[in-house]
Amino acid sequence: LRTGVTVRTVRATPGERPAVGDGRHTYEADLVVAADGTDSVI
């Protein structure tokens, strides 16, 4: 669990692993789940 992380970008392109970023770090994974509510950035 990482708190204080504001996701600003998402990568969902055919040739790359999905990822999200907060402007400082990129979080890559096999799967990204957008559970960020009504105002979902993703």
All heavy atoms as atom14 arrays in JSON, in Angstrom:
{
  "sequence": "LRTGVTVRTVRATPGERPAVGDGRHTYEADLVVAADGTDSVI",
  "atom14_mask": [
    [1, 1, 1, 1, 1, 1, 1, 1, 0, 0, 0, 0, 0, 0],
    [1, 1, 1, 1, 1, 1, 1, 1, 1, 1, 1, 0, 0, 0],
    [1, 1, 1, 1, 1, 1, 1, 0, 0, 0, 0, 0, 0, 0],
    [1, 1, 1, 1, 0, 0, 0, 0, 0, 0, 0, 0, 0, 0],
    [1, 1, 1, 1, 1, 1, 1, 0, 0, 0, 0, 0, 0, 0],
    [1, 1, 1, 1, 1, 1, 1, 0, 0, 0, 0, 0, 0, 0],
    [1, 1, 1, 1, 1, 1, 1, 0, 0, 0, 0, 0, 0, 0],
    [1, 1, 1, 1, 1, 1, 1, 1, 1, 1, 1, 0, 0, 0],
    [1, 1, 1, 1, 1, 1, 1, 0, 0, 0, 0, 0, 0, 0],
    [1, 1, 1, 1, 1, 1, 1, 0, 0, 0, 0, 0, 0, 0],
    [1, 1, 1, 1, 1, 1, 1, 1, 1, 1, 1, 0, 0, 0],
    [1, 1, 1, 1, 1, 0, 0, 0, 0, 0, 0, 0, 0, 0],
    [1, 1, 1, 1, 1, 1, 1, 0, 0, 0, 0, 0, 0, 0],
    [1, 1, 1, 1, 1, 1, 1, 0, 0, 0, 0, 0, 0, 0],
    [1, 1, 1, 1, 0, 0, 0, 0, 0, 0, 0, 0, 0, 0],
    [1, 1, 1, 1, 1, 1, 1, 1, 1, 0, 0, 0, 0, 0],
    [1, 1, 1, 1, 1, 1, 1, 1, 1, 1, 1, 0, 0, 0],
    [1, 1, 1, 1, 1, 1, 1, 0, 0, 0, 0, 0, 0, 0],
    [1, 1, 1, 1, 1, 0, 0, 0, 0, 0, 0, 0, 0, 0],
    [1, 1, 1, 1, 1, 1, 1, 0, 0, 0, 0, 0, 0, 0],
    [1, 1, 1, 1, 0, 0, 0, 0, 0, 0, 0, 0, 0, 0],
    [1, 1, 1, 1, 1, 1, 1, 1, 0, 0, 0, 0, 0, 0],
    [1, 1, 1, 1, 0, 0, 0, 0, 0, 0, 0, 0, 0, 0],
    [1, 1, 1, 1, 1, 1, 1, 1, 1, 1, 1, 0, 0, 0],
    [1, 1, 1, 1, 1, 1, 1, 1, 1, 1, 0, 0, 0, 0],
    [1, 1, 1, 1, 1, 1, 1, 0, 0, 0, 0, 0, 0, 0],
    [1, 1, 1, 1, 1, 1, 1, 1, 1, 1, 1, 1, 0, 0],
    [1, 1, 1, 1, 1, 1, 1, 1, 1, 0, 0, 0, 0, 0],
    [1, 1, 1, 1, 1, 0, 0, 0, 0, 0, 0, 0, 0, 0],
    [1, 1, 1, 1, 1, 1, 1, 1, 0, 0, 0, 0, 0, 0],
    [1, 1, 1, 1, 1, 1, 1, 1, 0, 0, 0, 0, 0, 0],
    [1, 1, 1, 1, 1, 1, 1, 0, 0, 0, 0, 0, 0, 0],
    [1, 1, 1, 1, 1, 1, 1, 0, 0, 0, 0, 0, 0, 0],
    [1, 1, 1, 1, 1, 0, 0, 0, 0, 0, 0, 0, 0, 0],
    [1, 1, 1, 1, 1, 0, 0, 0, 0, 0, 0, 0, 0, 0],
    [1, 1, 1, 1, 1, 1, 1, 1, 0, 0, 0, 0, 0, 0],
    [1, 1, 1, 1, 0, 0, 0, 0, 0, 0, 0, 0, 0, 0],
    [1, 1, 1, 1, 1, 1, 1, 0, 0, 0, 0, 0, 0, 0],
    [1, 1, 1, 1, 1, 1, 1, 1, 0, 0, 0, 0, 0, 0],
    [1, 1, 1, 1, 1, 1, 0, 0, 0, 0, 0, 0, 0, 0],
    [1, 1, 1, 1, 1, 1, 1, 0, 0, 0, 0, 0, 0, 0],
    [1, 1, 1, 1, 1, 1, 1, 1, 0, 0, 0, 0, 0, 0]
  ],
  "atom14_positions": [
    [[0.84, -1.19, 0.0], [0.0, 0.0, 0.0], [0.88, 1.24, 0.0], [1.73, 1.42, 0.88], [-0.92, 0.0, 1.22], [-1.75, 1.25, 1.47], [-2.68, 1.54, 0.29], [-2.54, 1.12, 2.77], [0.0, 0.0, 0.0], [0.0, 0.0, 0.0], [0.0, 0.0, 0.0], [0.0, 0.0, 0.0], [0.0, 0.0, 0.0], [0.0, 0.0, 0.0]],
    [[0.66, 2.11, -0.98], [1.38, 3.37, -1.06], [0.37, 4.51, -1.06], [-0.45, 4.61, -1.98], [2.25, 3.44, -2.32], [3.33, 2.37, -2.37], [4.32, 2.66, -3.48], [5.34, 1.62, -3.58], [6.41, 1.7, -4.37], [6.59, 2.77, -5.15], [7.29, 0.72, -4.4], [0.0, 0.0, 0.0], [0.0, 0.0, 0.0], [0.0, 0.0, 0.0]],
    [[0.44, 5.36, -0.06], [-0.48, 6.49, 0.05], [0.21, 7.76, -0.41], [1.43, 7.81, -0.58], [-0.96, 6.65, 1.5], [0.17, 6.82, 2.37], [-1.76, 5.42, 1.95], [0.0, 0.0, 0.0], [0.0, 0.0, 0.0], [0.0, 0.0, 0.0], [0.0, 0.0, 0.0], [0.0, 0.0, 0.0], [0.0, 0.0, 0.0], [0.0, 0.0, 0.0]],
    [[-0.58, 8.8, -0.61], [-0.04, 10.07, -1.07], [0.44, 10.04, -2.51], [1.28, 10.86, -2.9], [0.0, 0.0, 0.0], [0.0, 0.0, 0.0], [0.0, 0.0, 0.0], [0.0, 0.0, 0.0], [0.0, 0.0, 0.0], [0.0, 0.0, 0.0], [0.0, 0.0, 0.0], [0.0, 0.0, 0.0], [0.0, 0.0, 0.0], [0.0, 0.0, 0.0]],
    [[-0.1, 9.13, -3.31], [0.3, 8.99, -4.72], [-0.86, 9.46, -5.59], [-1.94, 8.85, -5.59], [0.67, 7.54, -5.07], [1.02, 7.44, -6.55], [1.82, 7.05, -4.2], [0.0, 0.0, 0.0], [0.0, 0.0, 0.0], [0.0, 0.0, 0.0], [0.0, 0.0, 0.0], [0.0, 0.0, 0.0], [0.0, 0.0, 0.0], [0.0, 0.0, 0.0]],
    [[-0.66, 10.53, -6.33], [-1.67, 11.05, -7.24], [-1.34, 10.63, -8.66], [-0.4, 11.15, -9.28], [-1.75, 12.59, -7.16], [-2.06, 12.98, -5.82], [-2.82, 13.13, -8.1], [0.0, 0.0, 0.0], [0.0, 0.0, 0.0], [0.0, 0.0, 0.0], [0.0, 0.0, 0.0], [0.0, 0.0, 0.0], [0.0, 0.0, 0.0], [0.0, 0.0, 0.0]],
    [[-2.06, 9.67, -9.17], [-1.82, 9.18, -10.53], [-2.27, 10.22, -11.54], [-3.38, 10.76, -11.46], [-2.56, 7.84, -10.76], [-2.54, 7.46, -12.23], [-1.93, 6.75, -9.91], [0.0, 0.0, 0.0], [0.0, 0.0, 0.0], [0.0, 0.0, 0.0], [0.0, 0.0, 0.0], [0.0, 0.0, 0.0], [0.0, 0.0, 0.0], [0.0, 0.0, 0.0]],
    [[-1.39, 10.52, -12.49], [-1.67, 11.54, -13.5], [-1.69, 10.99, -14.92], [-2.31, 11.58, -15.81], [-0.63, 12.67, -13.4], [-0.54, 13.3, -12.01], [0.47, 14.43, -11.97], [0.69, 14.89, -10.6], [-0.12, 15.72, -9.95], [-1.22, 16.17, -10.55], [0.14, 16.08, -8.71], [0.0, 0.0, 0.0], [0.0, 0.0, 0.0], [0.0, 0.0, 0.0]],
    [[-1.01, 9.88, -15.15], [-0.92, 9.34, -16.51], [-1.13, 7.83, -16.49], [-0.92, 7.17, -15.47], [0.46, 9.64, -17.14], [1.49, 9.02, -16.34], [0.71, 11.13, -17.22], [0.0, 0.0, 0.0], [0.0, 0.0, 0.0], [0.0, 0.0, 0.0], [0.0, 0.0, 0.0], [0.0, 0.0, 0.0], [0.0, 0.0, 0.0], [0.0, 0.0, 0.0]],
    [[-1.56, 7.32, -17.62], [-1.71, 5.88, -17.79], [-1.15, 5.49, -19.16], [-1.3, 6.24, -20.13], [-3.18, 5.44, -17.66], [-4.06, 6.14, -18.68], [-3.31, 3.93, -17.8], [0.0, 0.0, 0.0], [0.0, 0.0, 0.0], [0.0, 0.0, 0.0], [0.0, 0.0, 0.0], [0.0, 0.0, 0.0], [0.0, 0.0, 0.0], [0.0, 0.0, 0.0]],
    [[-0.48, 4.36, -19.21], [0.03, 3.82, -20.48], [-0.73, 2.55, -20.8], [-0.7, 1.59, -20.04], [1.52, 3.54, -20.36], [2.17, 3.12, -21.69], [3.66, 2.98, -21.52], [4.01, 1.81, -20.72], [5.11, 1.71, -19.98], [5.96, 2.73, -19.91], [5.36, 0.61, -19.28], [0.0, 0.0, 0.0], [0.0, 0.0, 0.0], [0.0, 0.0, 0.0]],
    [[-1.44, 2.58, -21.94], [-2.23, 1.42, -22.35], [-2.08, 1.25, -23.85], [-3.04, 1.4, -24.61], [-3.69, 1.61, -21.96], [0.0, 0.0, 0.0], [0.0, 0.0, 0.0], [0.0, 0.0, 0.0], [0.0, 0.0, 0.0], [0.0, 0.0, 0.0], [0.0, 0.0, 0.0], [0.0, 0.0, 0.0], [0.0, 0.0, 0.0], [0.0, 0.0, 0.0]],
    [[-0.86, 0.97, -24.27], [-0.55, 0.84, -25.7], [-0.23, -0.62, -26.03], [0.23, -1.38, -25.16], [0.63, 1.73, -26.08], [1.74, 1.46, -25.2], [0.26, 3.2, -25.93], [0.0, 0.0, 0.0], [0.0, 0.0, 0.0], [0.0, 0.0, 0.0], [0.0, 0.0, 0.0], [0.0, 0.0, 0.0], [0.0, 0.0, 0.0], [0.0, 0.0, 0.0]],
    [[-0.42, -1.03, -27.3], [-0.27, -2.44, -27.67], [1.11, -3.04, -27.39], [1.22, -4.19, -26.98], [-0.56, -2.44, -29.18], [-1.44, -1.25, -29.39], [-0.95, -0.23, -28.41], [0.0, 0.0, 0.0], [0.0, 0.0, 0.0], [0.0, 0.0, 0.0], [0.0, 0.0, 0.0], [0.0, 0.0, 0.0], [0.0, 0.0, 0.0], [0.0, 0.0, 0.0]],
    [[2.18, -2.28, -27.58], [3.5, -2.88, -27.49], [4.19, -2.79, -26.16], [5.33, -3.27, -26.03], [0.0, 0.0, 0.0], [0.0, 0.0, 0.0], [0.0, 0.0, 0.0], [0.0, 0.0, 0.0], [0.0, 0.0, 0.0], [0.0, 0.0, 0.0], [0.0, 0.0, 0.0], [0.0, 0.0, 0.0], [0.0, 0.0, 0.0], [0.0, 0.0, 0.0]],
    [[3.55, -2.19, -25.14], [4.23, -1.99, -23.86], [3.37, -2.49, -22.71], [2.14, -2.55, -22.8], [4.52, -0.5, -23.66], [5.41, 0.13, -24.72], [5.62, 1.61, -24.45], [4.77, 2.41, -24.86], [6.63, 1.95, -23.81], [0.0, 0.0, 0.0], [0.0, 0.0, 0.0], [0.0, 0.0, 0.0], [0.0, 0.0, 0.0], [0.0, 0.0, 0.0]],
    [[4.04, -2.81, -21.61], [3.3, -3.21, -20.41], [2.49, -2.03, -19.9], [2.93, -0.88, -19.97], [4.26, -3.66, -19.3], [5.01, -4.93, -19.59], [5.88, -5.29, -18.4], [5.11, -5.92, -17.33], [5.44, -5.88, -16.05], [6.51, -5.19, -15.67], [4.74, -6.52, -15.15], [0.0, 0.0, 0.0], [0.0, 0.0, 0.0], [0.0, 0.0, 0.0]],
    [[1.29, -2.3, -19.42], [0.49, -1.2, -18.88], [1.16, -0.58, -17.67], [1.9, -1.26, -16.92], [-0.84, -1.87, -18.51], [-0.53, -3.32, -18.39], [0.6, -3.59, -19.34], [0.0, 0.0, 0.0], [0.0, 0.0, 0.0], [0.0, 0.0, 0.0], [0.0, 0.0, 0.0], [0.0, 0.0, 0.0], [0.0, 0.0, 0.0], [0.0, 0.0, 0.0]],
    [[0.94, 0.71, -17.47], [1.59, 1.41, -16.37], [0.82, 2.69, -16.06], [0.05, 3.19, -16.88], [3.03, 1.74, -16.73], [0.0, 0.0, 0.0], [0.0, 0.0, 0.0], [0.0, 0.0, 0.0], [0.0, 0.0, 0.0], [0.0, 0.0, 0.0], [0.0, 0.0, 0.0], [0.0, 0.0, 0.0], [0.0, 0.0, 0.0], [0.0, 0.0, 0.0]],
    [[1.03, 3.18, -14.84], [0.53, 4.5, -14.45], [1.7, 5.29, -13.88], [2.71, 4.71, -13.44], [-0.61, 4.41, -13.41], [-1.83, 3.74, -14.02], [-0.16, 3.68, -12.15], [0.0, 0.0, 0.0], [0.0, 0.0, 0.0], [0.0, 0.0, 0.0], [0.0, 0.0, 0.0], [0.0, 0.0, 0.0], [0.0, 0.0, 0.0], [0.0, 0.0, 0.0]],
    [[1.58, 6.61, -13.87], [2.64, 7.45, -13.34], [2.09, 8.63, -12.58], [0.97, 9.08, -12.84], [0.0, 0.0, 0.0], [0.0, 0.0, 0.0], [0.0, 0.0, 0.0], [0.0, 0.0, 0.0], [0.0, 0.0, 0.0], [0.0, 0.0, 0.0], [0.0, 0.0, 0.0], [0.0, 0.0, 0.0], [0.0, 0.0, 0.0], [0.0, 0.0, 0.0]],
    [[2.88, 9.12, -11.63], [2.47, 10.29, -10.85], [3.35, 11.5, -11.13], [3.3, 12.5, -10.39], [2.49, 9.97, -9.36], [3.89, 9.67, -8.83], [4.84, 9.59, -9.64], [4.04, 9.51, -7.6], [0.0, 0.0, 0.0], [0.0, 0.0, 0.0], [0.0, 0.0, 0.0], [0.0, 0.0, 0.0], [0.0, 0.0, 0.0], [0.0, 0.0, 0.0]],
    [[4.14, 11.44, -12.2], [5.04, 12.54, -12.52], [6.44, 12.35, -11.99], [7.4, 12.96, -12.47], [0.0, 0.0, 0.0], [0.0, 0.0, 0.0], [0.0, 0.0, 0.0], [0.0, 0.0, 0.0], [0.0, 0.0, 0.0], [0.0, 0.0, 0.0], [0.0, 0.0, 0.0], [0.0, 0.0, 0.0], [0.0, 0.0, 0.0], [0.0, 0.0, 0.0]],
    [[6.57, 11.47, -11.0], [7.9, 11.16, -10.44], [8.27, 9.7, -10.65], [9.41, 9.38, -10.94], [7.93, 11.49, -8.94], [7.76, 12.96, -8.61], [7.72, 13.15, -7.1], [6.6, 12.4, -6.5], [6.42, 12.25, -5.2], [7.31, 12.76, -4.35], [5.38, 11.58, -4.74], [0.0, 0.0, 0.0], [0.0, 0.0, 0.0], [0.0, 0.0, 0.0]],
    [[7.27, 8.83, -10.48], [7.51, 7.4, -10.61], [6.54, 6.79, -11.61], [5.41, 7.26, -11.78], [7.35, 6.7, -9.25], [8.23, 7.24, -8.17], [9.58, 7.03, -8.13], [7.93, 8.02, -7.1], [10.09, 7.63, -7.07], [9.11, 8.24, -6.42], [0.0, 0.0, 0.0], [0.0, 0.0, 0.0], [0.0, 0.0, 0.0], [0.0, 0.0, 0.0]],
    [[6.99, 5.73, -12.25], [6.14, 4.94, -13.14], [5.94, 3.57, -12.5], [6.89, 2.93, -12.07], [6.78, 4.78, -14.53], [6.91, 6.07, -15.12], [5.9, 3.91, -15.43], [0.0, 0.0, 0.0], [0.0, 0.0, 0.0], [0.0, 0.0, 0.0], [0.0, 0.0, 0.0], [0.0, 0.0, 0.0], [0.0, 0.0, 0.0], [0.0, 0.0, 0.0]],
    [[4.67, 3.14, -12.44], [4.33, 1.87, -11.82], [3.85, 0.93, -12.92], [2.74, 1.08, -13.43], [3.25, 2.06, -10.76], [3.63, 3.01, -9.65], [3.37, 4.37, -9.76], [4.25, 2.55, -8.49], [3.71, 5.25, -8.74], [4.59, 3.42, -7.47], [4.32, 4.77, -7.6], [4.67, 5.64, -6.6], [0.0, 0.0, 0.0], [0.0, 0.0, 0.0]],
    [[4.71, -0.02, -13.29], [4.4, -0.99, -14.33], [3.84, -2.27, -13.72], [4.19, -2.63, -12.59], [5.66, -1.37, -15.13], [6.0, -0.45, -16.25], [7.11, -1.03, -17.13], [7.61, -2.14, -16.8], [7.48, -0.39, -18.12], [0.0, 0.0, 0.0], [0.0, 0.0, 0.0], [0.0, 0.0, 0.0], [0.0, 0.0, 0.0], [0.0, 0.0, 0.0]],
    [[3.0, -2.97, -14.48], [2.47, -4.25, -14.01], [1.86, -4.99, -15.2], [1.73, -4.44, -16.29], [1.43, -4.03, -12.92], [0.0, 0.0, 0.0], [0.0, 0.0, 0.0], [0.0, 0.0, 0.0], [0.0, 0.0, 0.0], [0.0, 0.0, 0.0], [0.0, 0.0, 0.0], [0.0, 0.0, 0.0], [0.0, 0.0, 0.0], [0.0, 0.0, 0.0]],
    [[1.48, -6.23, -14.96], [0.76, -6.98, -15.98], [-0.66, -6.44, -16.15], [-1.24, -6.5, -17.24], [0.69, -8.46, -15.61], [2.08, -9.08, -15.49], [2.89, -8.87, -16.41], [2.33, -9.77, -14.48], [0.0, 0.0, 0.0], [0.0, 0.0, 0.0], [0.0, 0.0, 0.0], [0.0, 0.0, 0.0], [0.0, 0.0, 0.0], [0.0, 0.0, 0.0]],
    [[-1.22, -5.93, -15.04], [-2.6, -5.46, -15.05], [-2.7, -4.18, -14.24], [-2.13, -4.08, -13.15], [-3.52, -6.53, -14.43], [-5.0, -6.19, -14.32], [-5.66, -6.16, -15.7], [-5.72, -7.2, -13.41], [0.0, 0.0, 0.0], [0.0, 0.0, 0.0], [0.0, 0.0, 0.0], [0.0, 0.0, 0.0], [0.0, 0.0, 0.0], [0.0, 0.0, 0.0]],
    [[-3.44, -3.2, -14.78], [-3.76, -1.98, -14.05], [-5.27, -1.95, -13.83], [-6.04, -2.1, -14.78], [-3.31, -0.71, -14.82], [-3.87, 0.55, -14.16], [-1.79, -0.64, -14.88], [0.0, 0.0, 0.0], [0.0, 0.0, 0.0], [0.0, 0.0, 0.0], [0.0, 0.0, 0.0], [0.0, 0.0, 0.0], [0.0, 0.0, 0.0], [0.0, 0.0, 0.0]],
    [[-5.67, -1.78, -12.57], [-7.09, -1.71, -12.23], [-7.39, -0.27, -11.8], [-6.84, 0.21, -10.81], [-7.45, -2.68, -11.1], [-8.93, -2.57, -10.76], [-7.1, -4.11, -11.48], [0.0, 0.0, 0.0], [0.0, 0.0, 0.0], [0.0, 0.0, 0.0], [0.0, 0.0, 0.0], [0.0, 0.0, 0.0], [0.0, 0.0, 0.0], [0.0, 0.0, 0.0]],
    [[-8.27, 0.39, -12.55], [-8.69, 1.75, -12.22], [-9.89, 1.68, -11.29], [-11.01, 1.45, -11.73], [-9.03, 2.52, -13.49], [0.0, 0.0, 0.0], [0.0, 0.0, 0.0], [0.0, 0.0, 0.0], [0.0, 0.0, 0.0], [0.0, 0.0, 0.0], [0.0, 0.0, 0.0], [0.0, 0.0, 0.0], [0.0, 0.0, 0.0], [0.0, 0.0, 0.0]],
    [[-9.63, 1.86, -10.0], [-10.7, 1.91, -9.0], [-10.67, 3.27, -8.32], [-10.89, 3.39, -7.12], [-10.5, 0.79, -7.97], [0.0, 0.0, 0.0], [0.0, 0.0, 0.0], [0.0, 0.0, 0.0], [0.0, 0.0, 0.0], [0.0, 0.0, 0.0], [0.0, 0.0, 0.0], [0.0, 0.0, 0.0], [0.0, 0.0, 0.0], [0.0, 0.0, 0.0]],
    [[-10.38, 4.3, -9.13], [-10.14, 5.63, -8.6], [-11.36, 6.53, -8.66], [-11.25, 7.75, -8.7], [-8.95, 6.3, -9.28], [-8.96, 6.2, -10.8], [-9.71, 5.37, -11.33], [-8.2, 6.95, -11.45], [0.0, 0.0, 0.0], [0.0, 0.0, 0.0], [0.0, 0.0, 0.0], [0.0, 0.0, 0.0], [0.0, 0.0, 0.0], [0.0, 0.0, 0.0]],
    [[-12.55, 5.95, -8.64], [-13.76, 6.7, -8.37], [-14.35, 7.45, -9.56], [-13.9, 7.33, -10.71], [0.0, 0.0, 0.0], [0.0, 0.0, 0.0], [0.0, 0.0, 0.0], [0.0, 0.0, 0.0], [0.0, 0.0, 0.0], [0.0, 0.0, 0.0], [0.0, 0.0, 0.0], [0.0, 0.0, 0.0], [0.0, 0.0, 0.0], [0.0, 0.0, 0.0]],
    [[-15.36, 8.23, -9.26], [-16.11, 8.95, -10.29], [-15.22, 9.85, -11.13], [-15.42, 9.98, -12.34], [-17.23, 9.78, -9.63], [-18.04, 8.91, -8.82], [-18.1, 10.46, -10.67], [0.0, 0.0, 0.0], [0.0, 0.0, 0.0], [0.0, 0.0, 0.0], [0.0, 0.0, 0.0], [0.0, 0.0, 0.0], [0.0, 0.0, 0.0], [0.0, 0.0, 0.0]],
    [[-14.25, 10.49, -10.51], [-13.35, 11.41, -11.22], [-12.09, 10.7, -11.7], [-11.02, 11.32, -11.79], [-12.98, 12.58, -10.32], [-14.19, 13.46, -10.0], [-14.92, 13.81, -10.95], [-14.4, 13.78, -8.82], [0.0, 0.0, 0.0], [0.0, 0.0, 0.0], [0.0, 0.0, 0.0], [0.0, 0.0, 0.0], [0.0, 0.0, 0.0], [0.0, 0.0, 0.0]],
    [[-12.2, 9.45, -12.02], [-11.05, 8.62, -12.42], [-10.18, 9.28, -13.48], [-10.63, 9.6, -14.58], [-11.56, 7.27, -12.94], [-10.51, 6.54, -13.53], [0.0, 0.0, 0.0], [0.0, 0.0, 0.0], [0.0, 0.0, 0.0], [0.0, 0.0, 0.0], [0.0, 0.0, 0.0], [0.0, 0.0, 0.0], [0.0, 0.0, 0.0], [0.0, 0.0, 0.0]],
    [[-8.91, 9.46, -13.14], [-7.94, 9.98, -14.1], [-7.69, 8.96, -15.2], [-7.57, 9.32, -16.38], [-6.62, 10.33, -13.37], [-5.52, 10.67, -14.38], [-6.83, 11.49, -12.41], [0.0, 0.0, 0.0], [0.0, 0.0, 0.0], [0.0, 0.0, 0.0], [0.0, 0.0, 0.0], [0.0, 0.0, 0.0], [0.0, 0.0, 0.0], [0.0, 0.0, 0.0]],
    [[-7.65, 7.7, -14.83], [-7.38, 6.65, -15.81], [-8.52, 6.56, -16.82], [-8.3, 6.46, -18.03], [-7.14, 5.3, -15.1], [-5.89, 5.4, -14.22], [-7.0, 4.17, -16.11], [-5.64, 4.18, -13.38], [0.0, 0.0, 0.0], [0.0, 0.0, 0.0], [0.0, 0.0, 0.0], [0.0, 0.0, 0.0], [0.0, 0.0, 0.0], [0.0, 0.0, 0.0]]
  ]
}
